[in-house]
Amino acid sequence: SVTEVRMTPDLRNAVAYVKPLLGEEEDVVIKALRTNTAYLQREVAKRLGLKFAPKLQFKPDESFDEADRIERLL
C-alpha cells in the first residue's frame, strides 16, 4: 500500500511511502519498486498527462512503527 506521497512544489520529485500488506517482506517490495522505477515514472506521466515525469523515490513507511512505539510508551 502507498500510504503517502510527498511532491516538491515544482512536481519534479515525488517520494512515495510504502507499507506492504501485513508488513511482511518490506525489503523485497521496496527493492521491486526501485527496480521498476523507470516504468512507473512513464506510467505516471502518461496517465496524468504531465510534460515531465516526476522522479520517483520509494521509501518504507515507518509511521505505523512509530505509532506502535508511542502506544507502548503510553
Protein backbone atom coordinates (compact mmCIF):
# COMPACT_ATOMS: atom_id res chain seq x y z
CA SER A 1 0.00 0.00 0.00
CA VAL A 2 1.16 3.50 -0.77
CA THR A 3 0.38 5.38 2.42
CA GLU A 4 1.61 8.84 1.42
CA VAL A 5 3.22 10.67 -1.50
CA ARG A 6 5.12 13.90 -0.95
CA MET A 7 5.74 16.07 -4.01
CA THR A 8 8.07 19.01 -4.42
CA PRO A 9 6.30 22.27 -5.36
CA ASP A 10 7.55 22.05 -8.96
CA LEU A 11 6.22 18.45 -9.26
CA ARG A 12 9.63 17.20 -10.41
CA ASN A 13 10.26 14.85 -7.46
CA ALA A 14 7.99 12.55 -5.52
CA VAL A 15 8.65 10.35 -2.51
CA ALA A 16 6.18 7.50 -2.08
CA TYR A 17 5.98 5.91 1.34
CA VAL A 18 5.08 2.24 1.06
CA LYS A 19 3.91 -0.36 3.56
CA PRO A 20 3.31 -3.94 2.35
CA LEU A 21 0.09 -5.58 3.46
CA LEU A 22 0.60 -7.23 6.83
CA GLY A 23 4.02 -5.54 6.95
CA GLU A 24 5.78 -8.63 5.60
CA GLU A 25 8.75 -8.70 3.21
CA GLU A 26 9.10 -4.92 3.19
CA ASP A 27 12.64 -5.06 1.81
CA VAL A 28 11.55 -7.22 -1.14
CA VAL A 29 8.68 -4.87 -2.02
CA ILE A 30 10.84 -1.73 -1.81
CA LYS A 31 13.54 -3.38 -3.94
CA ALA A 32 10.98 -4.40 -6.60
CA LEU A 33 9.55 -0.88 -6.74
CA ARG A 34 13.00 0.66 -7.04
CA THR A 35 13.92 -1.80 -9.79
CA ASN A 36 10.84 -0.78 -11.80
CA THR A 37 11.03 2.97 -11.14
CA ALA A 38 11.52 3.92 -14.81
CA TYR A 39 8.37 2.05 -15.87
CA LEU A 40 6.34 3.56 -13.04
CA GLN A 41 7.55 7.08 -13.89
CA ARG A 42 6.44 6.64 -17.52
CA GLU A 43 3.03 5.37 -16.41
CA VAL A 44 2.52 8.29 -14.02
CA ALA A 45 3.44 10.82 -16.72
CA LYS A 46 1.23 9.15 -19.31
CA ARG A 47 -1.84 8.79 -17.06
CA LEU A 48 -1.60 12.29 -15.61
CA GLY A 49 -0.72 13.98 -18.90
CA LEU A 50 2.34 15.67 -17.45
CA LYS A 51 5.03 17.23 -19.61
CA PHE A 52 7.74 15.85 -17.32
CA ALA A 53 7.58 12.65 -15.34
CA PRO A 54 8.32 13.23 -11.66
CA LYS A 55 11.38 11.42 -10.36
CA LEU A 56 10.00 8.75 -8.05
CA GLN A 57 11.64 7.52 -4.88
CA PHE A 58 10.24 4.73 -2.74
CA LYS A 59 10.80 4.60 0.99
CA PRO A 60 9.35 2.37 3.69
CA ASP A 61 6.60 4.00 5.73
CA GLU A 62 7.72 3.94 9.34
CA SER A 63 4.78 5.91 10.73
CA PHE A 64 2.97 2.73 11.81
CA ASP A 65 6.05 1.53 13.69
CA GLU A 66 6.37 4.95 15.34
CA ALA A 67 2.69 4.88 16.34
CA ASP A 68 3.14 1.42 17.88
CA ARG A 69 6.18 2.64 19.81
CA ILE A 70 4.26 5.62 21.18
CA GLU A 71 1.31 3.38 22.10
CA ARG A 72 3.61 1.06 24.05
CA LEU A 73 5.11 4.03 25.90
CA LEU A 74 1.70 5.30 26.91
